[in-house]
Protein backbone atom coordinates (compact mmCIF):
# COMPACT_ATOMS: atom_id res chain seq x y z
CA MET A 1 -42.50 -119.81 25.14
CA GLU A 2 -44.03 -116.60 25.46
CA ASP A 3 -44.03 -113.46 23.04
CA ALA A 4 -42.59 -111.78 26.23
CA ASP A 5 -40.27 -114.48 27.40
CA LEU A 6 -38.91 -114.64 23.71
CA ASN A 7 -38.66 -110.52 23.79
CA LEU A 8 -36.70 -110.72 27.14
CA LEU A 9 -34.66 -113.64 25.53
CA GLU A 10 -33.35 -111.63 22.56
CA ASN A 11 -32.82 -108.33 24.27
CA LYS A 12 -30.63 -110.33 26.31
CA LEU A 13 -28.57 -111.82 23.34
CA ASP A 14 -28.60 -108.15 22.00
CA LEU A 15 -26.84 -107.23 25.26
CA LEU A 16 -24.67 -110.09 25.19
CA ILE A 17 -23.46 -109.73 21.51
CA GLN A 18 -22.69 -106.04 21.96
CA ARG A 19 -20.70 -106.95 25.04
CA ILE A 20 -18.52 -109.68 23.30
CA ALA A 21 -18.20 -106.96 20.43
CA ARG A 22 -17.22 -104.25 23.23
CA LEU A 23 -14.62 -107.00 24.86
CA GLU A 24 -13.11 -108.31 21.72
CA SER A 25 -12.63 -104.53 20.40
CA GLU A 26 -10.86 -104.08 23.92
CA ASN A 27 -8.69 -106.37 23.62
CA ARG A 28 -7.54 -106.07 20.65
CA GLN A 29 -6.70 -102.32 21.63
CA LEU A 30 -4.54 -104.07 24.36
CA LEU A 31 -2.80 -105.86 22.01
CA ASP A 32 -1.52 -103.10 20.45
CA ASN A 33 -0.63 -101.38 23.48
CA GLU A 34 0.89 -104.20 24.70
CA ARG A 35 3.04 -104.51 21.35
CA ALA A 36 3.78 -100.78 21.34
CA TRP A 37 4.76 -101.19 24.68
CA ARG A 38 7.40 -103.96 24.03
CA GLN A 39 8.73 -102.10 21.03
CA GLU A 40 9.50 -98.84 23.09
CA ARG A 41 11.22 -101.10 25.95
CA ALA A 42 13.37 -103.14 23.08
CA HIS A 43 14.09 -99.77 21.81
CA LEU A 44 15.01 -98.26 25.53
CA ILE A 45 17.05 -101.77 26.43
CA GLU A 46 18.88 -100.74 22.85
CA LYS A 47 19.71 -97.26 23.94
CA ASN A 48 20.46 -97.95 27.87
CA GLU A 49 23.15 -100.82 25.94
CA MET A 50 24.85 -98.06 23.54
CA ALA A 51 25.45 -95.63 26.46
CA ARG A 52 26.48 -98.31 28.86
CA LEU A 53 29.51 -99.32 26.14
CA LYS A 54 30.28 -95.09 25.88
CA VAL A 55 30.67 -94.95 28.97
CA GLU A 56 32.73 -98.09 29.83
CA SER A 57 34.70 -96.66 26.26
CA MET A 58 35.13 -93.42 28.36
CA ILE A 59 36.07 -94.95 31.52
CA SER A 60 39.00 -96.88 29.52
CA ARG A 61 40.12 -94.03 27.75
CA LEU A 62 40.60 -91.88 31.13
CA LYS A 63 42.51 -95.18 32.47
CA ALA A 64 44.76 -95.02 29.51
CA LEU A 65 45.59 -91.27 29.89
CA GLU A 66 45.99 -91.41 33.32
CA GLN A 67 48.45 -94.55 32.91
CA ASP A 68 50.27 -92.65 30.68
CA SER A 69 51.06 -89.05 32.69
């Protein structure tokens, strides 16, 4: 191989290595974002369940008051 070919190959390999590093970093960031979204989703589901239980409790109390009247 000629020096020019080797230099071209070396440059391409350097670019490939840089691209791999960038993609690995991006992948880590996406995984972190996914983890955060999943935690937030779980928290929102829990809050929604608590609100549903409170509303059901209020409805039951209202029905009980209605029957007592």
